[in-house]
Amino acid sequence: MPSVSVTAGICKEAHFSAYDQALQLDPNDTSIYVLKGEVLETLKNDNEALAAYEQAIQHDPNNGHAYVYRANALFTLDRYDEALAAYDEALRLDPKNAHAYSGKGDVLEETQKYHEALRSYELALLFDPSDILTWRGKGEVLHALKRYEESLAAYEQALQLDPQDSEAWYHRARQAERLEIPEEAQQSYKKAQDFGYRDE
């Protein structure tokens, strides 16, 4: 019986063979490059994923979707300035792209530009108020700015969208602690644990 690693390798080769065949039929189909990049990211091949997204952009320089994926890959590789430039290009092409605003917020948060990050998250939520990750990002930035009541409210918005979000419960507990609401903090920590939160 093949090992897990061998099986994974076979599946990987099958995926890429299918993508290569599709690209032979239509070399200008940018969606195939993006799909290939997504699979490579899943496999933690971030540099190869980035190359796939860049191929998509070469074939269609006006594909804002591909710029967002390129920016995400650059962020994963800690290439923050390039990631910001890619998000900005995506937003130039599509000024209402919530994913680009949210990703830009993540980079700005990582580089401790909290006020700019907050603005990006707020714009992301303007165009897509149902994105839990963006609500969490907003909550984290507000925490960093010591705006704990607003941070608590952001995590509560995330929990309205997904009441089983263990990350949101954990961070809600942190804000309750800061606001000296021990009972709520304790209840929120318990909820986080119940829903599988693990502190890394």
N, C-alpha and C. Protein backbone atom coordinates (compact mmCIF):
# COMPACT_ATOMS: atom_id res chain seq x y z
N MET A 1 0.85 -1.20 0.00
CA MET A 1 0.00 0.00 0.00
C MET A 1 0.89 1.25 0.00
N PRO A 2 0.63 2.23 -0.90
CA PRO A 2 1.49 3.42 -0.97
C PRO A 2 1.41 4.23 0.31
N SER A 3 2.52 4.88 0.67
CA SER A 3 2.53 5.75 1.84
C SER A 3 1.73 7.01 1.56
N VAL A 4 1.42 7.75 2.63
CA VAL A 4 0.67 9.00 2.47
C VAL A 4 1.44 9.97 1.59
N SER A 5 2.76 10.07 1.80
CA SER A 5 3.57 11.02 1.02
C SER A 5 3.59 10.66 -0.46
N VAL A 6 3.64 9.35 -0.75
CA VAL A 6 3.63 8.91 -2.15
C VAL A 6 2.29 9.23 -2.78
N THR A 7 1.21 8.93 -2.04
CA THR A 7 -0.13 9.21 -2.55
C THR A 7 -0.32 10.70 -2.81
N ALA A 8 0.15 11.53 -1.87
CA ALA A 8 0.05 12.98 -2.04
C ALA A 8 0.82 13.43 -3.28
N GLY A 9 1.99 12.82 -3.48
CA GLY A 9 2.79 13.16 -4.65
C GLY A 9 2.09 12.81 -5.95
N ILE A 10 1.42 11.64 -5.96
CA ILE A 10 0.68 11.22 -7.15
C ILE A 10 -0.46 12.19 -7.43
N CYS A 11 -1.20 12.57 -6.37
CA CYS A 11 -2.31 13.52 -6.52
C CYS A 11 -1.81 14.86 -7.04
N LYS A 12 -0.67 15.30 -6.52
CA LYS A 12 -0.07 16.56 -6.95
C LYS A 12 0.25 16.52 -8.44
N GLU A 13 0.91 15.43 -8.87
CA GLU A 13 1.28 15.29 -10.27
C GLU A 13 0.04 15.25 -11.17
N ALA A 14 -1.02 14.58 -10.68
CA ALA A 14 -2.26 14.50 -11.46
C ALA A 14 -2.88 15.87 -11.64
N HIS A 15 -2.88 16.68 -10.54
CA HIS A 15 -3.41 18.03 -10.62
C HIS A 15 -2.65 18.84 -11.67
N PHE A 16 -1.32 18.84 -11.57
CA PHE A 16 -0.52 19.68 -12.45
C PHE A 16 -0.58 19.20 -13.89
N SER A 17 -0.69 17.89 -14.08
CA SER A 17 -0.86 17.36 -15.43
C SER A 17 -2.15 17.88 -16.05
N ALA A 18 -3.22 17.90 -15.25
CA ALA A 18 -4.51 18.41 -15.73
C ALA A 18 -4.42 19.90 -16.06
N TYR A 19 -3.74 20.68 -15.20
CA TYR A 19 -3.59 22.11 -15.46
C TYR A 19 -2.77 22.34 -16.72
N ASP A 20 -1.68 21.57 -16.89
CA ASP A 20 -0.83 21.74 -18.07
C ASP A 20 -1.60 21.40 -19.35
N GLN A 21 -2.43 20.36 -19.29
CA GLN A 21 -3.25 20.01 -20.46
C GLN A 21 -4.23 21.12 -20.78
N ALA A 22 -4.84 21.68 -19.74
CA ALA A 22 -5.79 22.78 -19.95
C ALA A 22 -5.10 23.99 -20.57
N LEU A 23 -3.88 24.28 -20.11
CA LEU A 23 -3.15 25.43 -20.64
C LEU A 23 -2.69 25.20 -22.08
N GLN A 24 -2.47 23.93 -22.46
CA GLN A 24 -2.15 23.64 -23.85
C GLN A 24 -3.33 23.95 -24.76
N LEU A 25 -4.53 23.69 -24.24
CA LEU A 25 -5.74 23.97 -25.01
C LEU A 25 -6.01 25.47 -25.11
N ASP A 26 -5.71 26.18 -24.01
CA ASP A 26 -5.94 27.63 -23.99
C ASP A 26 -4.88 28.29 -23.10
N PRO A 27 -3.73 28.65 -23.70
CA PRO A 27 -2.62 29.22 -22.91
C PRO A 27 -2.96 30.57 -22.26
N ASN A 28 -4.03 31.20 -22.69
CA ASN A 28 -4.37 32.51 -22.17
C ASN A 28 -5.44 32.47 -21.06
N ASP A 29 -5.81 31.26 -20.65
CA ASP A 29 -6.82 31.12 -19.60
C ASP A 29 -6.17 31.38 -18.24
N THR A 30 -6.30 32.61 -17.76
CA THR A 30 -5.61 32.99 -16.52
C THR A 30 -6.15 32.24 -15.30
N SER A 31 -7.41 31.79 -15.36
CA SER A 31 -7.98 31.09 -14.21
C SER A 31 -7.22 29.80 -13.90
N ILE A 32 -6.65 29.17 -14.94
CA ILE A 32 -5.89 27.93 -14.74
C ILE A 32 -4.61 28.22 -13.95
N TYR A 33 -3.93 29.32 -14.29
CA TYR A 33 -2.73 29.69 -13.54
C TYR A 33 -3.06 29.97 -12.08
N VAL A 34 -4.20 30.64 -11.85
CA VAL A 34 -4.61 30.95 -10.48
C VAL A 34 -4.91 29.67 -9.71
N LEU A 35 -5.65 28.74 -10.34
CA LEU A 35 -5.96 27.47 -9.69
C LEU A 35 -4.68 26.69 -9.37
N LYS A 36 -3.75 26.69 -10.30
CA LYS A 36 -2.47 26.02 -10.08
C LYS A 36 -1.74 26.66 -8.89
N GLY A 37 -1.77 27.98 -8.82
CA GLY A 37 -1.14 28.68 -7.71
C GLY A 37 -1.77 28.33 -6.38
N GLU A 38 -3.10 28.21 -6.36
CA GLU A 38 -3.80 27.85 -5.12
C GLU A 38 -3.36 26.48 -4.62
N VAL A 39 -3.24 25.52 -5.54
CA VAL A 39 -2.80 24.18 -5.15
C VAL A 39 -1.37 24.23 -4.61
N LEU A 40 -0.52 25.00 -5.26
CA LEU A 40 0.87 25.11 -4.81
C LEU A 40 0.95 25.75 -3.43
N GLU A 41 0.10 26.74 -3.17
CA GLU A 41 0.07 27.34 -1.83
C GLU A 41 -0.36 26.33 -0.78
N THR A 42 -1.35 25.52 -1.13
CA THR A 42 -1.82 24.48 -0.21
C THR A 42 -0.69 23.52 0.15
N LEU A 43 0.18 23.28 -0.83
CA LEU A 43 1.32 22.39 -0.64
C LEU A 43 2.54 23.11 -0.05
N LYS A 44 2.35 24.38 0.33
CA LYS A 44 3.42 25.20 0.93
C LYS A 44 4.56 25.49 -0.05
N ASN A 45 4.26 25.43 -1.33
CA ASN A 45 5.25 25.80 -2.34
C ASN A 45 5.01 27.26 -2.75
N ASP A 46 5.32 28.17 -1.84
CA ASP A 46 4.89 29.56 -2.00
C ASP A 46 5.58 30.27 -3.16
N ASN A 47 6.86 29.98 -3.39
CA ASN A 47 7.55 30.63 -4.50
C ASN A 47 6.99 30.17 -5.84
N GLU A 48 6.67 28.88 -5.95
CA GLU A 48 6.08 28.37 -7.19
C GLU A 48 4.67 28.93 -7.37
N ALA A 49 3.93 29.07 -6.27
CA ALA A 49 2.59 29.66 -6.35
C ALA A 49 2.69 31.09 -6.87
N LEU A 50 3.64 31.84 -6.32
CA LEU A 50 3.84 33.22 -6.76
C LEU A 50 4.13 33.27 -8.26
N ALA A 51 4.96 32.35 -8.75
CA ALA A 51 5.28 32.31 -10.18
C ALA A 51 4.03 32.05 -11.02
N ALA A 52 3.15 31.17 -10.52
CA ALA A 52 1.91 30.88 -11.24
C ALA A 52 1.03 32.12 -11.32
N TYR A 53 0.91 32.86 -10.22
CA TYR A 53 0.09 34.07 -10.23
C TYR A 53 0.70 35.13 -11.15
N GLU A 54 2.02 35.19 -11.19
CA GLU A 54 2.67 36.16 -12.07
C GLU A 54 2.45 35.80 -13.54
N GLN A 55 2.38 34.50 -13.83
CA GLN A 55 2.05 34.08 -15.20
C GLN A 55 0.63 34.51 -15.56
N ALA A 56 -0.29 34.39 -14.61
CA ALA A 56 -1.67 34.83 -14.85
C ALA A 56 -1.70 36.31 -15.20
N ILE A 57 -0.92 37.11 -14.47
CA ILE A 57 -0.89 38.55 -14.70
C ILE A 57 -0.24 38.88 -16.04
N GLN A 58 0.78 38.12 -16.41
CA GLN A 58 1.41 38.33 -17.71
C GLN A 58 0.41 38.16 -18.84
N HIS A 59 -0.47 37.18 -18.70
CA HIS A 59 -1.47 36.91 -19.74
C HIS A 59 -2.64 37.88 -19.68
N ASP A 60 -2.90 38.42 -18.49
CA ASP A 60 -4.01 39.37 -18.34
C ASP A 60 -3.64 40.41 -17.28
N PRO A 61 -2.96 41.48 -17.70
CA PRO A 61 -2.50 42.50 -16.74
C PRO A 61 -3.63 43.24 -16.03
N ASN A 62 -4.86 43.07 -16.49
CA ASN A 62 -6.00 43.75 -15.88
C ASN A 62 -6.80 42.83 -14.96
N ASN A 63 -6.22 41.70 -14.60
CA ASN A 63 -6.91 40.73 -13.74
C ASN A 63 -6.65 41.07 -12.27
N GLY A 64 -7.56 41.83 -11.68
CA GLY A 64 -7.39 42.22 -10.28
C GLY A 64 -7.39 41.04 -9.33
N HIS A 65 -8.16 40.02 -9.68
CA HIS A 65 -8.22 38.79 -8.88
C HIS A 65 -6.83 38.17 -8.75
N ALA A 66 -6.09 38.10 -9.87
CA ALA A 66 -4.74 37.52 -9.84
C ALA A 66 -3.79 38.37 -9.01
N TYR A 67 -3.96 39.69 -9.04
CA TYR A 67 -3.10 40.55 -8.22
C TYR A 67 -3.31 40.30 -6.73
N VAL A 68 -4.57 40.03 -6.32
CA VAL A 68 -4.83 39.73 -4.91
C VAL A 68 -4.10 38.45 -4.51
N TYR A 69 -4.19 37.41 -5.36
CA TYR A 69 -3.50 36.16 -5.05
C TYR A 69 -1.98 36.36 -5.04
N ARG A 70 -1.48 37.16 -5.96
CA ARG A 70 -0.04 37.45 -5.96
C ARG A 70 0.35 38.15 -4.67
N ALA A 71 -0.45 39.12 -4.26
CA ALA A 71 -0.17 39.85 -3.02
C ALA A 71 -0.21 38.93 -1.80
N ASN A 72 -1.19 38.01 -1.77
CA ASN A 72 -1.27 37.06 -0.66
C ASN A 72 0.00 36.22 -0.56
N ALA A 73 0.49 35.76 -1.73
CA ALA A 73 1.70 34.94 -1.74
C ALA A 73 2.91 35.75 -1.28
N LEU A 74 3.00 36.99 -1.72
CA LEU A 74 4.11 37.86 -1.29
C LEU A 74 4.06 38.10 0.22
N PHE A 75 2.87 38.26 0.74
CA PHE A 75 2.72 38.44 2.19
C PHE A 75 3.20 37.21 2.93
N THR A 76 2.83 36.03 2.45
CA THR A 76 3.28 34.78 3.07
C THR A 76 4.80 34.68 3.06
N LEU A 77 5.42 35.23 2.03
CA LEU A 77 6.88 35.20 1.89
C LEU A 77 7.56 36.37 2.62
N ASP A 78 6.78 37.14 3.39
CA ASP A 78 7.30 38.29 4.16
C ASP A 78 7.85 39.39 3.27
N ARG A 79 7.35 39.49 2.05
CA ARG A 79 7.78 40.55 1.13
C ARG A 79 6.70 41.64 1.17
N TYR A 80 6.72 42.39 2.26
CA TYR A 80 5.58 43.24 2.60
C TYR A 80 5.39 44.42 1.64
N ASP A 81 6.48 45.08 1.26
CA ASP A 81 6.34 46.24 0.36
C ASP A 81 5.77 45.81 -0.98
N GLU A 82 6.24 44.67 -1.49
CA GLU A 82 5.73 44.17 -2.77
C GLU A 82 4.27 43.74 -2.63
N ALA A 83 3.93 43.16 -1.49
CA ALA A 83 2.54 42.75 -1.26
C ALA A 83 1.63 43.97 -1.27
N LEU A 84 2.03 45.04 -0.58
CA LEU A 84 1.22 46.26 -0.56
C LEU A 84 1.04 46.83 -1.96
N ALA A 85 2.11 46.81 -2.74
CA ALA A 85 2.02 47.32 -4.11
C ALA A 85 1.05 46.49 -4.94
N ALA A 86 1.07 45.17 -4.73
CA ALA A 86 0.16 44.30 -5.48
C ALA A 86 -1.29 44.52 -5.05
N TYR A 87 -1.54 44.68 -3.75
CA TYR A 87 -2.90 44.98 -3.30
C TYR A 87 -3.37 46.31 -3.87
N ASP A 88 -2.49 47.30 -3.89
CA ASP A 88 -2.86 48.61 -4.45
C ASP A 88 -3.19 48.50 -5.93
N GLU A 89 -2.45 47.67 -6.65
CA GLU A 89 -2.75 47.48 -8.07
C GLU A 89 -4.10 46.79 -8.25
N ALA A 90 -4.39 45.81 -7.40
CA ALA A 90 -5.70 45.16 -7.45
C ALA A 90 -6.81 46.18 -7.20
N LEU A 91 -6.58 47.10 -6.28
CA LEU A 91 -7.59 48.11 -5.95
C LEU A 91 -7.70 49.17 -7.04
N ARG A 92 -6.62 49.42 -7.74
CA ARG A 92 -6.70 50.34 -8.88
C ARG A 92 -7.61 49.75 -9.95
N LEU A 93 -7.49 48.43 -10.15
CA LEU A 93 -8.31 47.75 -11.15
C LEU A 93 -9.74 47.54 -10.69
N ASP A 94 -9.92 47.35 -9.37
CA ASP A 94 -11.25 47.11 -8.81
C ASP A 94 -11.33 47.79 -7.45
N PRO A 95 -11.76 49.05 -7.41
CA PRO A 95 -11.76 49.82 -6.16
C PRO A 95 -12.71 49.28 -5.08
N LYS A 96 -13.54 48.30 -5.41
CA LYS A 96 -14.46 47.73 -4.43
C LYS A 96 -14.07 46.31 -4.02
N ASN A 97 -12.81 45.95 -4.25
CA ASN A 97 -12.35 44.59 -3.97
C ASN A 97 -12.10 44.42 -2.47
N ALA A 98 -13.06 43.82 -1.79
CA ALA A 98 -12.96 43.66 -0.33
C ALA A 98 -11.77 42.81 0.07
N HIS A 99 -11.45 41.77 -0.71
CA HIS A 99 -10.32 40.89 -0.37
C HIS A 99 -9.00 41.66 -0.43
N ALA A 100 -8.90 42.57 -1.38
CA ALA A 100 -7.67 43.37 -1.48
C ALA A 100 -7.53 44.30 -0.29
N TYR A 101 -8.62 44.94 0.11
CA TYR A 101 -8.56 45.81 1.30
C TYR A 101 -8.23 45.01 2.55
N SER A 102 -8.83 43.82 2.68
CA SER A 102 -8.58 43.01 3.87
C SER A 102 -7.13 42.53 3.91
N GLY A 103 -6.62 42.06 2.77
CA GLY A 103 -5.24 41.62 2.70
C GLY A 103 -4.27 42.75 2.98
N LYS A 104 -4.58 43.92 2.44
CA LYS A 104 -3.74 45.10 2.71
C LYS A 104 -3.74 45.41 4.20
N GLY A 105 -4.91 45.28 4.82
CA GLY A 105 -4.99 45.48 6.27
C GLY A 105 -4.10 44.52 7.03
N ASP A 106 -4.06 43.25 6.58
CA ASP A 106 -3.21 42.25 7.24
C ASP A 106 -1.73 42.65 7.18
N VAL A 107 -1.30 43.13 6.01
CA VAL A 107 0.11 43.55 5.86
C VAL A 107 0.40 44.76 6.75
N LEU A 108 -0.50 45.72 6.74
CA LEU A 108 -0.29 46.92 7.55
C LEU A 108 -0.31 46.59 9.04
N GLU A 109 -1.15 45.65 9.44
CA GLU A 109 -1.15 45.22 10.84
C GLU A 109 0.17 44.54 11.19
N GLU A 110 0.64 43.67 10.29
CA GLU A 110 1.89 42.95 10.54
C GLU A 110 3.07 43.90 10.68
N THR A 111 3.02 45.02 9.95
CA THR A 111 4.10 46.01 10.00
C THR A 111 3.81 47.13 11.01
N GLN A 112 2.79 46.89 11.85
CA GLN A 112 2.44 47.77 12.97
C GLN A 112 2.01 49.17 12.54
N LYS A 113 1.42 49.26 11.36
CA LYS A 113 0.82 50.52 10.91
C LYS A 113 -0.68 50.43 11.19
N TYR A 114 -1.00 50.53 12.47
CA TYR A 114 -2.33 50.14 12.92
C TYR A 114 -3.45 51.05 12.43
N HIS A 115 -3.23 52.35 12.39
CA HIS A 115 -4.28 53.24 11.92
C HIS A 115 -4.59 53.00 10.44
N GLU A 116 -3.54 52.80 9.63
CA GLU A 116 -3.76 52.50 8.22
C GLU A 116 -4.43 51.14 8.05
N ALA A 117 -4.04 50.19 8.88
CA ALA A 117 -4.65 48.86 8.82
C ALA A 117 -6.14 48.93 9.14
N LEU A 118 -6.48 49.71 10.16
CA LEU A 118 -7.88 49.86 10.55
C LEU A 118 -8.69 50.44 9.40
N ARG A 119 -8.14 51.43 8.72
CA ARG A 119 -8.85 52.03 7.58
C ARG A 119 -9.08 50.99 6.48
N SER A 120 -8.09 50.15 6.22
CA SER A 120 -8.24 49.11 5.20
C SER A 120 -9.30 48.09 5.58
N TYR A 121 -9.28 47.67 6.84
CA TYR A 121 -10.30 46.71 7.30
C TYR A 121 -11.70 47.32 7.20
N GLU A 122 -11.83 48.60 7.55
CA GLU A 122 -13.15 49.23 7.50
C GLU A 122 -13.66 49.32 6.06
N LEU A 123 -12.76 49.58 5.12
CA LEU A 123 -13.16 49.61 3.72
C LEU A 123 -13.53 48.21 3.24
N ALA A 124 -12.79 47.22 3.68
CA ALA A 124 -13.12 45.83 3.32
C ALA A 124 -14.52 45.47 3.80
N LEU A 125 -14.83 45.86 5.02
CA LEU A 125 -16.14 45.54 5.60
C LEU A 125 -17.26 46.35 4.97
N LEU A 126 -16.93 47.51 4.44
CA LEU A 126 -17.92 48.31 3.72
C LEU A 126 -18.42 47.54 2.50
N PHE A 127 -17.50 46.84 1.83
CA PHE A 127 -17.86 46.12 0.61
C PHE A 127 -18.23 44.66 0.87
N ASP A 128 -17.81 44.11 2.02
CA ASP A 128 -18.18 42.74 2.37
C ASP A 128 -18.26 42.62 3.89
N PRO A 129 -19.41 42.96 4.46
CA PRO A 129 -19.55 42.92 5.91
C PRO A 129 -19.67 41.51 6.49
N SER A 130 -19.61 40.49 5.65
CA SER A 130 -19.78 39.11 6.13
C SER A 130 -18.46 38.35 6.24
N ASP A 131 -17.34 39.06 6.13
CA ASP A 131 -16.03 38.40 6.18
C ASP A 131 -15.53 38.31 7.62
N ILE A 132 -15.57 37.12 8.17
CA ILE A 132 -15.20 36.91 9.58
C ILE A 132 -13.73 37.27 9.81
N LEU A 133 -12.86 36.88 8.89
CA LEU A 133 -11.43 37.15 9.07
C LEU A 133 -11.15 38.65 9.14
N THR A 134 -11.90 39.43 8.37
CA THR A 134 -11.71 40.88 8.41
C THR A 134 -12.18 41.45 9.75
N TRP A 135 -13.31 40.95 10.26
CA TRP A 135 -13.76 41.40 11.58
C TRP A 135 -12.72 41.07 12.65
N ARG A 136 -12.12 39.87 12.53
CA ARG A 136 -11.07 39.50 13.49
C ARG A 136 -9.87 40.43 13.36
N GLY A 137 -9.47 40.71 12.12
CA GLY A 137 -8.34 41.61 11.91
C GLY A 137 -8.61 42.99 12.48
N LYS A 138 -9.83 43.48 12.27
CA LYS A 138 -10.20 44.78 12.84
C LYS A 138 -10.12 44.74 14.36
N GLY A 139 -10.61 43.64 14.94
CA GLY A 139 -10.55 43.50 16.39
C GLY A 139 -9.13 43.51 16.92
N GLU A 140 -8.23 42.85 16.20
CA GLU A 140 -6.83 42.79 16.64
C GLU A 140 -6.16 44.17 16.57
N VAL A 141 -6.45 44.91 15.50
CA VAL A 141 -5.87 46.24 15.35
C VAL A 141 -6.41 47.18 16.43
N LEU A 142 -7.70 47.10 16.70
CA LEU A 142 -8.28 47.94 17.76
C LEU A 142 -7.69 47.58 19.12
N HIS A 143 -7.40 46.31 19.32
CA HIS A 143 -6.73 45.89 20.56
C HIS A 143 -5.35 46.54 20.65
N ALA A 144 -4.61 46.51 19.54
CA ALA A 144 -3.27 47.10 19.52
C ALA A 144 -3.33 48.62 19.79
N LEU A 145 -4.44 49.24 19.36
CA LEU A 145 -4.62 50.68 19.59
C LEU A 145 -5.22 50.97 20.97
N LYS A 146 -5.42 49.91 21.76
CA LYS A 146 -5.97 50.01 23.11
C LYS A 146 -7.41 50.55 23.12
N ARG A 147 -8.13 50.26 22.04
CA ARG A 147 -9.54 50.64 21.94
C ARG A 147 -10.35 49.37 22.21
N TYR A 148 -10.34 48.95 23.48
CA TYR A 148 -10.80 47.61 23.83
C TYR A 148 -12.31 47.42 23.66
N GLU A 149 -13.10 48.45 23.94
CA GLU A 149 -14.54 48.30 23.77
C GLU A 149 -14.89 48.08 22.29
N GLU A 150 -14.24 48.83 21.40
CA GLU A 150 -14.48 48.66 19.97
C GLU A 150 -13.95 47.31 19.49
N SER A 151 -12.83 46.90 20.05
CA SER A 151 -12.28 45.58 19.71
C SER A 151 -13.25 44.48 20.10
N LEU A 152 -13.80 44.58 21.31
CA LEU A 152 -14.80 43.61 21.78
C LEU A 152 -15.98 43.57 20.81
N ALA A 153 -16.44 44.74 20.37
CA ALA A 153 -17.58 44.80 19.45
C ALA A 153 -17.25 44.14 18.12
N ALA A 154 -16.01 44.28 17.66
CA ALA A 154 -15.61 43.66 16.39
C ALA A 154 -15.65 42.14 16.50
N TYR A 155 -15.16 41.61 17.61
CA TYR A 155 -15.20 40.15 17.78
C TYR A 155 -16.64 39.67 17.95
N GLU A 156 -17.49 40.48 18.54
CA GLU A 156 -18.89 40.10 18.66
C GLU A 156 -19.57 40.06 17.28
N GLN A 157 -19.15 40.94 16.39
CA GLN A 157 -19.66 40.88 15.02
C GLN A 157 -19.24 39.58 14.34
N ALA A 158 -17.98 39.19 14.55
CA ALA A 158 -17.50 37.92 14.00
C ALA A 158 -18.32 36.75 14.54
N LEU A 159 -18.66 36.81 15.82
CA LEU A 159 -19.41 35.72 16.45
C LEU A 159 -20.87 35.70 16.02
N GLN A 160 -21.40 36.83 15.61
CA GLN A 160 -22.74 36.83 15.04
C GLN A 160 -22.75 36.06 13.72
N LEU A 161 -21.65 36.16 12.99
CA LEU A 161 -21.54 35.45 11.71
C LEU A 161 -21.24 33.97 11.92
N ASP A 162 -20.45 33.66 12.94
CA ASP A 162 -20.13 32.26 13.24
C ASP A 162 -20.00 32.10 14.76
N PRO A 163 -21.08 31.67 15.42
CA PRO A 163 -21.06 31.54 16.88
C PRO A 163 -20.09 30.47 17.40
N GLN A 164 -19.51 29.67 16.51
CA GLN A 164 -18.57 28.63 16.93
C GLN A 164 -17.12 28.99 16.58
N ASP A 165 -16.87 30.24 16.28
CA ASP A 165 -15.52 30.68 15.92
C ASP A 165 -14.66 30.77 17.18
N SER A 166 -13.84 29.75 17.41
CA SER A 166 -13.05 29.69 18.65
C SER A 166 -12.06 30.85 18.77
N GLU A 167 -11.49 31.28 17.63
CA GLU A 167 -10.55 32.42 17.66
C GLU A 167 -11.25 33.68 18.16
N ALA A 168 -12.44 33.92 17.65
CA ALA A 168 -13.18 35.12 18.05
C ALA A 168 -13.56 35.06 19.53
N TRP A 169 -13.95 33.87 20.02
CA TRP A 169 -14.26 33.73 21.44
C TRP A 169 -13.03 34.02 22.30
N TYR A 170 -11.87 33.50 21.87
CA TYR A 170 -10.64 33.71 22.64
C TYR A 170 -10.30 35.20 22.72
N HIS A 171 -10.37 35.86 21.56
CA HIS A 171 -9.98 37.28 21.56
C HIS A 171 -11.05 38.15 22.21
N ARG A 172 -12.30 37.73 22.16
CA ARG A 172 -13.34 38.43 22.91
C ARG A 172 -13.01 38.37 24.41
N ALA A 173 -12.55 37.21 24.87
CA ALA A 173 -12.17 37.05 26.27
C ALA A 173 -11.04 38.00 26.65
N ARG A 174 -10.06 38.15 25.76
CA ARG A 174 -8.95 39.08 26.03
C ARG A 174 -9.45 40.51 26.24
N GLN A 175 -10.40 40.92 25.39
CA GLN A 175 -10.92 42.29 25.53
C GLN A 175 -11.71 42.43 26.82
N ALA A 176 -12.48 41.40 27.16
CA ALA A 176 -13.25 41.44 28.42
C ALA A 176 -12.32 41.56 29.62
N GLU A 177 -11.17 40.89 29.55
CA GLU A 177 -10.17 41.03 30.63
C GLU A 177 -9.68 42.46 30.73
N ARG A 178 -9.36 43.04 29.57
CA ARG A 178 -8.86 44.42 29.56
C ARG A 178 -9.90 45.39 30.12
N LEU A 179 -11.17 45.08 29.86
CA LEU A 179 -12.26 45.94 30.31
C LEU A 179 -12.72 45.59 31.72
N GLU A 180 -12.00 44.65 32.34
CA GLU A 180 -12.27 44.24 33.72
C GLU A 180 -13.71 43.72 33.88
N ILE A 181 -14.05 42.80 32.97
CA ILE A 181 -15.34 42.10 33.05
C ILE A 181 -15.01 40.62 33.21
N PRO A 182 -14.60 40.19 34.40
CA PRO A 182 -14.04 38.85 34.59
C PRO A 182 -15.01 37.72 34.25
N GLU A 183 -16.28 37.89 34.56
CA GLU A 183 -17.23 36.81 34.28
C GLU A 183 -17.36 36.56 32.78
N GLU A 184 -17.45 37.66 32.02
CA GLU A 184 -17.54 37.52 30.56
C GLU A 184 -16.26 36.93 30.00
N ALA A 185 -15.13 37.35 30.54
CA ALA A 185 -13.84 36.81 30.08
C ALA A 185 -13.80 35.30 30.32
N GLN A 186 -14.18 34.88 31.50
CA GLN A 186 -14.15 33.46 31.85
C GLN A 186 -15.08 32.66 30.94
N GLN A 187 -16.28 33.17 30.73
CA GLN A 187 -17.24 32.48 29.86
C GLN A 187 -16.72 32.38 28.43
N SER A 188 -16.08 33.46 27.95
CA SER A 188 -15.58 33.47 26.58
C SER A 188 -14.40 32.52 26.41
N TYR A 189 -13.50 32.47 27.41
CA TYR A 189 -12.40 31.51 27.34
C TYR A 189 -12.93 30.08 27.30
N LYS A 190 -13.98 29.81 28.08
CA LYS A 190 -14.56 28.47 28.08
C LYS A 190 -15.16 28.14 26.72
N LYS A 191 -15.86 29.11 26.12
CA LYS A 191 -16.43 28.90 24.79
C LYS A 191 -15.32 28.61 23.78
N ALA A 192 -14.24 29.38 23.87
CA ALA A 192 -13.11 29.17 22.95
C ALA A 192 -12.58 27.74 23.07
N GLN A 193 -12.42 27.30 24.30
CA GLN A 193 -11.92 25.95 24.54
C GLN A 193 -12.93 24.91 24.04
N ASP A 194 -14.20 25.14 24.31
CA ASP A 194 -15.24 24.20 23.88
C ASP A 194 -15.26 24.02 22.37
N PHE A 195 -14.97 25.11 21.65
CA PHE A 195 -15.01 25.07 20.19
C PHE A 195 -13.64 24.77 19.57
N GLY A 196 -12.68 24.36 20.42
CA GLY A 196 -11.43 23.82 19.90
C GLY A 196 -10.27 24.78 19.79
N TYR A 197 -10.33 25.92 20.50
CA TYR A 197 -9.20 26.85 20.41
C TYR A 197 -7.97 26.24 21.06
N ARG A 198 -6.84 26.37 20.36
CA ARG A 198 -5.56 25.93 20.90
C ARG A 198 -4.56 27.06 20.81
N ASP A 199 -4.03 27.50 21.94
CA ASP A 199 -3.07 28.58 21.96
C ASP A 199 -1.75 28.07 21.44
N GLU A 200 -1.28 28.66 20.32
CA GLU A 200 -0.04 28.17 19.70
C GLU A 200 1.18 28.73 20.42
